[in-house]
Amino acid sequence: MFRSILYISVLTAFSIIVIEVWNKSKHKHPYVGLNVEQIIQRYEYPAEVHHVTTEDGYILTLHRIPHGRENHSLNRTSILLLPGILQTAWDYVHYGPHKCLSFLLAEKGYDVWLGNFRGTAWSRKHAVLNPDQDSSYWNFTVHEMGIYDVPAFIDHIVKFTNKHSLHYVGFSQATIAFTIMGSERSEYLSRVKLFTALGPAVLIGNPISPLLKFLVKNQDSIKTFLRFFNYREILKQGDPFRTYLEHICNENSIFANLCLQHLFIMLGYNYDEMPMEMLSLTSSHFPSGTSLTNIEHVFQMICSGNFSKYDYGIQGNKKKYDQEKPPLYNLSKLTVPTALYYSSNDWAVNIANVEKLIKVLPNVVKTYKVPSDKFNHYDFLAAKNVVRLLYSAVIDEILKY
């Protein structure tokens, strides 16, 4: 066993060295290395950076595009955009003005705010804890994002703009966080005009992805392995797998197709909509890190098929919840107008689960299945034709509220 592990380690190290040498001669996208504020400004839009402290001490970053290049209207409605797991505000801006929802909304007259969840690259601070030294910093899941992060973002925006309400757009994990907030802190729903859910990952049992199925099936072994090596934060900048992806994900590299395989086997295959010219730019900021506990919570919900709180085990649940199994979140409390956008080739969010969610939520005002049989989970923020296939419908619905 040891010799096998050693062999694999040596082979992997050798492969990375070869890839690094090869890619040294390959050009990368000229915007690689820019942060969120810089890339917004590079596209000639105004950019602001705000910092928000949650009730439990996490210091989060909000990026703001107060208006468009062409549209400078003063009476603007605020709109908060939040990304999926391992993503940041970067994923709402890096493809540019004619592709990204953030810029399109700014040109429609909206005051656009882009949030970053705790533990990701731009929200990796705390009032007391040091994320590099205090393991307790990483004791969070999407539950805390829902009960602390989203409310903190809403509070700041409402106070700063002196407006009573705003729009909320969430992709994947951000739909989970918002729904948790609706269940646990429903008083915040009165401040939201419309909940726009892209790739709604609220019910996530039985995914199509073979890789997700494998990871969920072997989650206990994987968790034990990572805990043994004292992993609390995963897939951050400098993480071995993140570094590996940066090496192979280059639009000018012979390894570009290998890069796509890592993405597609998790989220669904769609070569036609993949913007290959942006590959090195994407990999420079994704994945952007999260806690191992957060991944565990997501895997638990996939395994059980329930939209439930974190499972501490029978004894831990008795202590935490006074019952053997983790409680379910109350979806009936999500009374805010809700628009759900989904696709048939989403390997992370099974379409059958979305159809079930549509029946359970009390105030669904719009459902929209993307008119493409190849549209996958990644495409919600990155497809070449995402404006025609999705964003035009999204914006039309938002404009009604």
Protein backbone atom coordinates (compact mmCIF):
# COMPACT_ATOMS: atom_id res chain seq x y z
CA MET A 1 0.00 0.00 0.00
CA PHE A 2 2.77 2.44 0.96
CA ARG A 3 4.67 1.72 -2.25
CA SER A 4 1.51 2.32 -4.29
CA ILE A 5 0.84 5.65 -2.58
CA LEU A 6 4.48 6.66 -3.05
CA TYR A 7 4.32 5.72 -6.74
CA ILE A 8 1.16 7.77 -7.30
CA SER A 9 2.63 10.74 -5.42
CA VAL A 10 5.83 10.69 -7.46
CA LEU A 11 3.88 10.32 -10.72
CA THR A 12 1.60 13.22 -9.80
CA ALA A 13 4.55 15.44 -8.85
CA PHE A 14 6.31 14.58 -12.09
CA SER A 15 3.17 15.34 -14.09
CA ILE A 16 2.79 18.75 -12.43
CA ILE A 17 6.43 19.59 -13.19
CA VAL A 18 5.98 18.61 -16.84
CA ILE A 19 2.76 20.62 -17.07
CA GLU A 20 4.39 23.62 -15.39
CA VAL A 21 7.32 23.57 -17.81
CA TRP A 22 4.93 23.26 -20.76
CA ASN A 23 2.63 26.03 -19.59
CA LYS A 24 5.49 28.44 -18.91
CA SER A 25 5.62 28.96 -22.66
CA LYS A 26 1.86 29.35 -23.00
CA HIS A 27 0.14 32.73 -22.86
CA LYS A 28 -2.62 33.20 -20.31
CA HIS A 29 -5.56 35.58 -20.36
CA PRO A 30 -4.30 39.15 -19.82
CA TYR A 31 -6.65 39.67 -16.85
CA VAL A 32 -5.18 36.79 -14.83
CA GLY A 33 -3.97 38.25 -11.54
CA LEU A 34 -6.59 40.97 -11.22
CA ASN A 35 -8.91 41.02 -8.22
CA VAL A 36 -12.66 41.69 -8.37
CA GLU A 37 -12.44 45.47 -8.02
CA GLN A 38 -9.68 45.69 -10.62
CA ILE A 39 -11.51 43.65 -13.23
CA ILE A 40 -14.71 45.67 -12.77
CA GLN A 41 -12.67 48.83 -13.34
CA ARG A 42 -10.85 47.26 -16.28
CA TYR A 43 -14.24 46.85 -17.94
CA GLU A 44 -14.74 50.60 -17.28
CA TYR A 45 -17.43 50.26 -14.61
CA PRO A 46 -17.43 52.02 -11.22
CA ALA A 47 -16.40 49.74 -8.35
CA GLU A 48 -16.63 49.95 -4.58
CA VAL A 49 -15.48 47.59 -1.84
CA HIS A 50 -17.45 47.26 1.42
CA HIS A 51 -16.72 45.17 4.50
CA VAL A 52 -19.40 43.63 6.69
CA THR A 53 -19.02 41.90 10.07
CA THR A 54 -21.51 39.15 10.89
CA GLU A 55 -23.07 38.54 14.29
CA ASP A 56 -20.55 35.73 14.89
CA GLY A 57 -17.53 37.83 13.93
CA TYR A 58 -16.79 36.86 10.33
CA ILE A 59 -15.62 39.78 8.20
CA LEU A 60 -17.08 39.56 4.70
CA THR A 61 -16.44 41.55 1.54
CA LEU A 62 -19.14 43.09 -0.64
CA HIS A 63 -18.26 44.47 -4.08
CA ARG A 64 -20.53 47.10 -5.56
CA ILE A 65 -21.24 48.31 -9.09
CA PRO A 66 -23.37 51.37 -8.27
CA HIS A 67 -24.43 52.04 -11.85
CA GLY A 68 -23.72 51.14 -15.45
CA ARG A 69 -21.44 52.76 -18.00
CA GLU A 70 -24.42 54.06 -19.94
CA ASN A 71 -27.15 54.09 -17.28
CA HIS A 72 -26.47 56.57 -14.44
CA SER A 73 -30.04 56.81 -13.09
CA LEU A 74 -30.25 57.95 -9.49
CA ASN A 75 -33.35 56.07 -8.33
CA ARG A 76 -31.82 52.60 -8.45
CA THR A 77 -33.09 49.43 -6.82
CA SER A 78 -30.40 47.36 -5.12
CA ILE A 79 -29.79 43.78 -6.14
CA LEU A 80 -27.59 41.29 -4.28
CA LEU A 81 -25.87 38.52 -6.24
CA LEU A 82 -24.28 35.59 -4.40
CA PRO A 83 -22.30 32.71 -5.94
CA GLY A 84 -22.10 28.94 -5.62
CA ILE A 85 -19.85 26.76 -3.51
CA LEU A 86 -16.11 27.45 -3.94
CA GLN A 87 -16.97 30.61 -5.89
CA THR A 88 -16.73 34.34 -5.22
CA ALA A 89 -18.00 37.64 -6.65
CA TRP A 90 -15.35 37.10 -9.33
CA ASP A 91 -17.62 34.56 -11.02
CA TYR A 92 -20.22 37.27 -11.63
CA VAL A 93 -17.84 39.71 -13.38
CA HIS A 94 -14.86 38.09 -15.08
CA TYR A 95 -16.53 37.27 -18.41
CA GLY A 96 -17.24 40.92 -19.07
CA PRO A 97 -20.05 43.40 -19.80
CA HIS A 98 -21.87 41.51 -22.54
CA LYS A 99 -21.92 38.16 -20.73
CA CYS A 100 -22.11 38.69 -16.96
CA LEU A 101 -25.43 39.20 -15.21
CA SER A 102 -23.93 41.85 -12.90
CA PHE A 103 -23.05 44.23 -15.74
CA LEU A 104 -26.30 43.56 -17.59
CA LEU A 105 -28.28 44.49 -14.47
CA ALA A 106 -26.18 47.63 -13.93
CA GLU A 107 -27.08 48.76 -17.44
CA LYS A 108 -30.74 48.12 -16.64
CA GLY A 109 -30.49 50.71 -13.87
CA TYR A 110 -29.82 48.47 -10.84
CA ASP A 111 -27.43 49.10 -7.97
CA VAL A 112 -25.50 45.82 -8.06
CA TRP A 113 -23.92 44.25 -4.97
CA LEU A 114 -21.74 41.13 -5.19
CA GLY A 115 -21.22 39.14 -2.00
CA ASN A 116 -18.53 36.69 -0.91
CA PHE A 117 -19.41 33.97 1.60
CA ARG A 118 -17.24 33.26 4.64
CA GLY A 119 -14.10 31.20 4.07
CA THR A 120 -13.62 32.19 0.43
CA ALA A 121 -10.75 34.27 -0.94
CA TRP A 122 -12.27 37.72 -0.32
CA SER A 123 -14.02 36.89 2.97
CA ARG A 124 -11.30 35.08 4.87
CA LYS A 125 -11.12 37.24 8.00
CA HIS A 126 -12.59 37.29 11.48
CA ALA A 127 -12.81 39.82 14.30
CA VAL A 128 -11.00 37.46 16.70
CA LEU A 129 -10.01 34.21 14.98
CA ASN A 130 -7.07 33.70 12.62
CA PRO A 131 -8.08 31.35 9.76
CA ASP A 132 -4.48 30.15 9.41
CA GLN A 133 -4.08 29.30 13.09
CA ASP A 134 -7.50 28.77 14.69
CA SER A 135 -9.24 25.63 13.49
CA SER A 136 -12.48 26.85 15.08
CA TYR A 137 -12.70 29.47 12.31
CA TRP A 138 -13.62 26.63 9.95
CA ASN A 139 -16.47 25.27 12.07
CA PHE A 140 -19.17 26.50 9.73
CA THR A 141 -21.42 25.22 6.98
CA VAL A 142 -23.95 26.72 4.62
CA HIS A 143 -26.21 26.93 7.68
CA GLU A 144 -24.12 29.79 9.10
CA MET A 145 -24.04 31.42 5.68
CA GLY A 146 -27.81 31.40 5.76
CA ILE A 147 -28.38 32.65 9.29
CA TYR A 148 -25.45 35.09 9.47
CA ASP A 149 -23.88 35.98 6.10
CA VAL A 150 -26.99 36.68 4.02
CA PRO A 151 -28.68 38.75 6.77
CA ALA A 152 -25.44 40.74 7.26
CA PHE A 153 -25.30 41.53 3.55
CA ILE A 154 -28.95 42.59 3.48
CA ASP A 155 -28.59 44.74 6.62
CA HIS A 156 -25.59 46.57 5.19
CA ILE A 157 -27.13 47.24 1.79
CA VAL A 158 -30.45 48.43 3.22
CA LYS A 159 -28.71 50.72 5.70
CA PHE A 160 -26.17 52.07 3.21
CA THR A 161 -28.71 52.81 0.47
CA ASN A 162 -31.53 53.85 2.81
CA LYS A 163 -33.86 51.59 0.83
CA HIS A 164 -36.25 49.19 2.55
CA SER A 165 -35.86 46.23 0.18
CA LEU A 166 -33.76 44.67 -2.55
CA HIS A 167 -33.60 41.82 -5.05
CA TYR A 168 -31.70 38.60 -4.32
CA VAL A 169 -30.07 36.46 -7.01
CA GLY A 170 -28.39 33.25 -5.92
CA PHE A 171 -26.64 30.48 -7.77
CA SER A 172 -26.38 26.92 -6.41
CA GLN A 173 -25.08 27.16 -2.79
CA ALA A 174 -26.45 30.71 -2.56
CA THR A 175 -29.95 29.31 -3.10
CA ILE A 176 -29.42 26.97 -0.15
CA ALA A 177 -28.19 29.82 2.05
CA PHE A 178 -31.17 32.03 1.20
CA THR A 179 -33.66 29.23 1.81
CA ILE A 180 -32.05 28.51 5.19
CA MET A 181 -32.40 32.20 6.06
CA GLY A 182 -36.06 32.02 5.05
CA SER A 183 -36.59 29.05 7.34
CA GLU A 184 -34.57 30.27 10.34
CA ARG A 185 -34.83 34.06 10.07
CA SER A 186 -37.98 34.63 8.08
CA GLU A 187 -38.26 38.26 9.22
CA TYR A 188 -35.68 39.11 6.52
CA LEU A 189 -37.98 37.97 3.72
CA SER A 190 -39.96 41.21 3.94
CA ARG A 191 -36.87 43.02 2.66
CA VAL A 192 -36.63 40.92 -0.50
CA LYS A 193 -38.67 41.82 -3.58
CA LEU A 194 -37.90 38.64 -5.51
CA PHE A 195 -35.75 35.55 -4.88
CA THR A 196 -34.12 34.53 -8.17
CA ALA A 197 -32.73 30.99 -7.88
CA LEU A 198 -30.28 29.86 -10.57
CA GLY A 199 -29.56 26.13 -10.48
CA PRO A 200 -31.53 25.80 -7.21
CA ALA A 201 -29.65 23.32 -5.03
CA VAL A 202 -32.11 23.12 -2.15
CA LEU A 203 -33.07 19.47 -2.71
CA ILE A 204 -29.97 17.68 -3.98
CA GLY A 205 -30.46 13.95 -3.47
CA ASN A 206 -29.57 11.48 -6.22
CA PRO A 207 -27.36 13.68 -8.44
CA ILE A 208 -26.51 12.52 -11.95
CA SER A 209 -22.77 13.15 -11.58
CA PRO A 210 -20.81 9.90 -11.13
CA LEU A 211 -18.07 11.81 -9.33
CA LEU A 212 -20.51 13.31 -6.84
CA LYS A 213 -21.99 9.86 -6.24
CA PHE A 214 -18.51 8.43 -5.62
CA LEU A 215 -17.54 11.22 -3.23
CA VAL A 216 -20.78 10.93 -1.26
CA LYS A 217 -20.51 7.14 -1.05
CA ASN A 218 -16.96 7.39 0.28
CA GLN A 219 -17.36 10.56 2.33
CA ASP A 220 -16.49 8.94 5.66
CA SER A 221 -13.16 7.62 4.36
CA ILE A 222 -12.36 10.92 2.67
CA LYS A 223 -13.23 12.87 5.83
CA THR A 224 -11.07 10.59 7.97
CA PHE A 225 -8.14 11.00 5.57
CA LEU A 226 -8.42 14.79 5.48
CA ARG A 227 -8.90 15.07 9.24
CA PHE A 228 -5.80 12.93 9.77
CA PHE A 229 -3.76 15.52 7.88
CA ASN A 230 -5.52 18.31 9.83
CA TYR A 231 -7.44 19.68 6.86
CA ARG A 232 -10.09 22.21 7.87
CA GLU A 233 -9.96 24.45 4.81
CA ILE A 234 -10.00 22.87 1.38
CA LEU A 235 -9.33 24.01 -2.20
CA LYS A 236 -7.88 27.36 -1.18
CA GLN A 237 -5.18 29.30 -3.03
CA GLY A 238 -2.02 27.18 -2.92
CA ASP A 239 -3.89 23.94 -2.19
CA PRO A 240 -2.26 21.06 -4.16
CA PHE A 241 -5.35 20.29 -6.24
CA ARG A 242 -6.04 23.98 -6.86
CA THR A 243 -2.42 24.39 -8.01
CA TYR A 244 -2.79 21.37 -10.25
CA LEU A 245 -5.88 22.87 -11.89
CA GLU A 246 -4.09 26.16 -12.50
CA HIS A 247 -1.37 24.21 -14.29
CA ILE A 248 -3.63 22.25 -16.62
CA CYS A 249 -6.37 24.83 -17.22
CA ASN A 250 -4.93 26.99 -19.97
CA GLU A 251 -6.73 27.70 -23.23
CA ASN A 252 -3.44 27.38 -25.13
CA SER A 253 -2.37 24.12 -23.51
CA ILE A 254 -2.52 20.53 -24.73
CA PHE A 255 -3.96 19.76 -21.29
CA ALA A 256 -7.06 21.95 -21.78
CA ASN A 257 -9.35 18.99 -22.48
CA LEU A 258 -8.11 17.25 -19.32
CA CYS A 259 -9.11 20.37 -17.40
CA LEU A 260 -12.63 20.24 -18.84
CA GLN A 261 -13.02 16.59 -17.81
CA HIS A 262 -12.59 17.57 -14.15
CA LEU A 263 -15.38 20.12 -14.51
CA PHE A 264 -17.80 18.16 -16.69
CA ILE A 265 -17.73 14.91 -14.72
CA MET A 266 -19.04 16.89 -11.75
CA LEU A 267 -21.44 19.35 -13.39
CA GLY A 268 -22.41 17.89 -16.78
CA TYR A 269 -20.87 17.78 -20.27
CA ASN A 270 -21.33 20.72 -22.64
CA TYR A 271 -18.40 21.50 -24.91
CA ASP A 272 -20.50 23.78 -27.14
CA GLU A 273 -21.11 26.42 -24.45
CA MET A 274 -17.67 26.36 -22.81
CA PRO A 275 -15.75 29.65 -23.33
CA MET A 276 -12.33 28.07 -23.86
CA GLU A 277 -10.64 31.45 -24.33
CA MET A 278 -11.38 32.18 -20.65
CA LEU A 279 -9.99 28.95 -19.18
CA SER A 280 -6.86 30.37 -17.55
CA LEU A 281 -8.84 33.33 -16.23
CA THR A 282 -11.42 31.03 -14.63
CA SER A 283 -8.84 28.77 -13.01
CA SER A 284 -6.98 31.75 -11.55
CA HIS A 285 -9.86 32.25 -9.06
CA PHE A 286 -11.75 28.95 -8.95
CA PRO A 287 -12.03 26.98 -6.74
CA SER A 288 -11.81 29.60 -4.01
CA GLY A 289 -11.92 27.55 -0.82
CA THR A 290 -14.41 26.63 1.87
CA SER A 291 -14.51 24.59 5.07
CA LEU A 292 -14.40 20.80 5.09
CA THR A 293 -17.44 20.93 7.40
CA ASN A 294 -19.39 22.79 4.74
CA ILE A 295 -18.62 20.08 2.18
CA GLU A 296 -19.69 17.46 4.73
CA HIS A 297 -23.04 19.19 5.24
CA VAL A 298 -23.71 19.32 1.50
CA PHE A 299 -22.78 15.63 1.15
CA GLN A 300 -25.11 14.77 4.03
CA MET A 301 -28.01 16.43 2.22
CA ILE A 302 -27.13 14.61 -1.00
CA CYS A 303 -26.96 11.29 0.83
CA SER A 304 -30.22 11.74 2.77
CA GLY A 305 -32.11 13.60 0.08
CA ASN A 306 -33.40 15.92 2.82
CA PHE A 307 -33.02 19.66 3.25
CA SER A 308 -31.75 19.33 6.79
CA LYS A 309 -29.36 20.77 9.32
CA TYR A 310 -25.86 19.40 9.92
CA ASP A 311 -25.76 15.82 11.20
CA TYR A 312 -23.52 15.49 14.27
CA GLY A 313 -24.32 11.80 14.75
CA ILE A 314 -26.92 10.39 17.14
CA GLN A 315 -25.27 11.59 20.35
CA GLY A 316 -24.23 14.92 18.89
CA ASN A 317 -27.72 15.50 17.50
CA LYS A 318 -29.29 14.76 20.88
CA LYS A 319 -27.03 17.34 22.46
CA LYS A 320 -27.50 19.94 19.71
CA TYR A 321 -31.11 19.38 18.64
CA ASP A 322 -32.57 17.19 21.40
CA GLN A 323 -33.36 14.49 18.83
CA GLU A 324 -31.48 11.67 17.09
CA LYS A 325 -31.71 13.01 13.55
CA PRO A 326 -31.00 16.54 12.33
CA PRO A 327 -34.13 18.70 11.93
CA LEU A 328 -35.48 19.58 8.51
CA TYR A 329 -35.60 23.20 7.42
CA ASN A 330 -39.14 24.53 7.04
CA LEU A 331 -39.65 25.30 3.34
CA SER A 332 -43.21 26.51 3.95
CA LYS A 333 -41.77 29.67 5.52
CA LEU A 334 -40.24 30.79 2.22
CA THR A 335 -43.17 33.07 1.35
CA VAL A 336 -41.13 35.50 -0.73
CA PRO A 337 -41.90 35.57 -4.50
CA THR A 338 -39.56 32.97 -5.98
CA ALA A 339 -38.36 32.41 -9.55
CA LEU A 340 -36.63 29.09 -10.28
CA TYR A 341 -34.31 28.55 -13.26
CA TYR A 342 -33.04 25.06 -14.00
CA SER A 343 -31.80 22.78 -16.78
CA SER A 344 -32.08 19.13 -17.83
CA ASN A 345 -28.32 18.50 -18.14
CA ASP A 346 -27.43 19.76 -14.67
CA TRP A 347 -25.51 16.85 -13.13
CA ALA A 348 -25.33 18.51 -9.69
CA VAL A 349 -29.01 19.47 -9.35
CA ASN A 350 -31.30 16.69 -10.50
CA ILE A 351 -34.24 18.09 -12.44
CA ALA A 352 -36.61 15.77 -10.54
CA ASN A 353 -35.60 17.53 -7.32
CA VAL A 354 -36.32 20.93 -8.82
CA GLU A 355 -39.77 19.77 -9.90
CA LYS A 356 -40.36 18.54 -6.35
CA LEU A 357 -39.18 21.89 -4.97
CA ILE A 358 -41.60 23.74 -7.23
CA LYS A 359 -44.49 21.84 -5.61
CA VAL A 360 -43.25 22.43 -2.06
CA LEU A 361 -42.42 26.15 -2.06
CA PRO A 362 -45.46 28.33 -1.25
CA ASN A 363 -44.89 31.31 -3.57
CA VAL A 364 -43.28 30.24 -6.84
CA VAL A 365 -44.06 32.98 -9.37
CA LYS A 366 -41.95 31.69 -12.26
CA THR A 367 -40.34 28.46 -13.38
CA TYR A 368 -38.01 28.41 -16.35
CA LYS A 369 -36.30 25.40 -17.85
CA VAL A 370 -33.36 26.51 -19.98
CA PRO A 371 -34.20 25.70 -23.62
CA SER A 372 -31.08 23.64 -24.25
CA ASP A 373 -30.59 19.92 -23.63
CA LYS A 374 -26.85 20.45 -23.02
CA PHE A 375 -26.98 23.34 -20.53
CA ASN A 376 -25.13 22.19 -17.38
CA HIS A 377 -24.64 23.51 -13.83
CA TYR A 378 -21.55 25.53 -14.74
CA ASP A 379 -23.34 27.17 -17.65
CA PHE A 380 -25.58 29.25 -15.37
CA LEU A 381 -22.70 31.70 -14.95
CA ALA A 382 -20.49 30.92 -17.92
CA ALA A 383 -22.21 29.61 -21.07
CA LYS A 384 -21.33 31.34 -24.33
CA ASN A 385 -25.02 31.95 -25.04
CA VAL A 386 -26.13 32.44 -21.45
CA VAL A 387 -27.75 35.81 -22.18
CA ARG A 388 -30.01 34.42 -24.89
CA LEU A 389 -30.69 31.12 -23.14
CA LEU A 390 -31.15 32.41 -19.59
CA TYR A 391 -30.37 35.98 -18.56
CA SER A 392 -32.92 37.66 -20.83
CA ALA A 393 -35.66 35.70 -19.07
CA VAL A 394 -34.12 36.39 -15.64
CA ILE A 395 -33.95 40.15 -16.23
CA ASP A 396 -37.47 40.31 -17.66
CA GLU A 397 -38.83 38.74 -14.47
CA ILE A 398 -36.77 40.97 -12.17
CA LEU A 399 -38.04 44.08 -13.94
CA LYS A 400 -41.61 43.17 -12.89
CA TYR A 401 -40.83 43.74 -9.18
